[in-house]
């Protein structure tokens, strides 16, 4: 898996061992809205619908590059204030639209 700052128009592939590019969203601690973090994650075998990291990794350990998202701060577009979401329940992977 890789972190990528761009969001392409990737779609789920039926090819074995293929990766999909997911947008990362967080529940904001400042305004309670949900905002895009501005980064993408390439993931093999990820969700087909918006899903939290805690749900995605319920039965297994969270890969390091996904766990590191709790240290990535964002600026709330509503308030202009910085925040960091530490809860995996409030960090979401969103698949591309097909």
Protein backbone atom coordinates (compact mmCIF):
# COMPACT_ATOMS: atom_id res chain seq x y z
CA UNK A 1 0.00 0.00 0.00
CA UNK A 2 1.13 3.53 -0.73
CA UNK A 3 0.00 6.97 0.26
CA UNK A 4 -0.56 9.23 -2.71
CA UNK A 5 -1.52 12.90 -2.64
CA UNK A 6 -3.46 12.62 -5.90
CA UNK A 7 -6.90 11.18 -6.49
CA UNK A 8 -7.23 9.44 -9.82
CA UNK A 9 -10.24 7.88 -11.44
CA UNK A 10 -9.33 4.34 -10.42
CA UNK A 11 -12.07 1.72 -10.27
CA UNK A 12 -12.13 -1.74 -8.72
CA UNK A 13 -10.34 -4.24 -10.88
CA UNK A 14 -11.12 -7.89 -11.29
CA UNK A 15 -7.44 -8.67 -11.85
CA UNK A 16 -5.79 -10.72 -9.14
CA UNK A 17 -3.51 -8.70 -6.80
CA UNK A 18 -4.72 -5.37 -8.19
CA UNK A 19 -4.96 -2.27 -6.03
CA UNK A 20 -7.64 0.39 -5.86
CA UNK A 21 -6.99 4.03 -4.97
CA UNK A 22 -9.17 5.17 -2.02
CA UNK A 23 -9.80 8.72 -0.86
CA UNK A 24 -9.31 9.23 2.89
CA UNK A 25 -11.96 11.17 4.83
CA UNK A 26 -12.14 12.03 8.55
CA UNK A 27 -14.81 13.06 10.99
CA UNK A 28 -13.75 16.55 12.08
CA UNK A 29 -13.12 17.30 15.76
CA UNK A 30 -13.82 21.01 15.16
CA UNK A 31 -17.15 21.11 13.31
CA UNK A 32 -18.35 17.47 13.43
CA UNK A 33 -18.46 17.36 9.63
CA UNK A 34 -16.69 14.81 7.44
CA UNK A 35 -13.81 16.16 5.33
CA UNK A 36 -11.46 14.77 2.72
CA UNK A 37 -7.87 14.62 3.98
CA UNK A 38 -6.44 15.34 0.54
CA UNK A 39 -4.57 12.05 0.34
CA UNK A 40 -5.28 8.70 -1.27
CA UNK A 41 -4.35 5.18 -0.26
CA UNK A 42 -3.71 2.32 -2.69
CA UNK A 43 -5.17 -0.85 -1.19
CA UNK A 44 -5.69 -4.38 -2.39
CA UNK A 45 -8.95 -6.03 -1.38
CA UNK A 46 -10.44 -2.91 0.19
CA UNK A 47 -14.10 -1.99 0.69
CA UNK A 48 -16.62 -1.34 -2.10
CA UNK A 49 -18.41 1.32 -0.02
CA UNK A 50 -17.28 4.00 2.46
CA UNK A 51 -15.89 2.20 5.51
CA UNK A 52 -14.06 3.18 8.69
CA UNK A 53 -10.58 1.83 9.35
CA UNK A 54 -11.83 0.18 12.55
CA UNK A 55 -14.48 -1.77 10.62
CA UNK A 56 -12.13 -2.57 7.75
CA UNK A 57 -9.48 -3.99 10.09
CA UNK A 58 -11.83 -5.50 12.69
CA UNK A 59 -10.47 -9.03 12.34
CA UNK A 60 -6.84 -8.15 11.63
CA UNK A 61 -4.18 -5.64 12.60
CA UNK A 62 -4.18 -2.24 10.92
CA UNK A 63 -1.37 -1.90 8.37
CA UNK A 64 1.23 0.67 9.42
CA UNK A 65 0.53 3.11 6.59
CA UNK A 66 -3.18 3.19 7.56
CA UNK A 67 -2.41 3.42 11.28
CA UNK A 68 -0.14 6.39 10.54
CA UNK A 69 -3.18 8.37 9.34
CA UNK A 70 -4.00 9.14 13.00
CA UNK A 71 -0.91 11.38 13.02
CA UNK A 72 -1.91 13.33 9.91
CA UNK A 73 -3.45 16.70 10.76
CA UNK A 74 -6.06 18.47 8.67
CA UNK A 75 -7.40 22.01 8.54
CA UNK A 76 -11.16 22.20 8.96
CA UNK A 77 -12.62 24.03 5.94
CA UNK A 78 -15.47 25.35 8.11
CA UNK A 79 -13.48 26.78 11.03
CA UNK A 80 -9.95 27.06 9.61
CA UNK A 81 -8.61 25.30 12.71
CA UNK A 82 -6.19 22.38 12.74
CA UNK A 83 -7.19 19.01 14.15
CA UNK A 84 -5.99 15.42 14.19
CA UNK A 85 -8.39 12.49 14.27
CA UNK A 86 -6.95 9.79 16.55
CA UNK A 87 -9.89 7.34 16.36
CA UNK A 88 -9.88 4.69 13.63
CA UNK A 89 -13.69 4.72 13.88
CA UNK A 90 -13.65 8.27 12.47
CA UNK A 91 -11.21 7.77 9.59
CA UNK A 92 -12.82 6.45 6.41
CA UNK A 93 -11.70 4.95 3.13
CA UNK A 94 -13.94 5.92 0.22
CA UNK A 95 -13.68 3.95 -3.04
CA UNK A 96 -13.65 5.83 -6.34
CA UNK A 97 -16.89 6.34 -8.21
CA UNK A 98 -17.20 4.06 -11.18
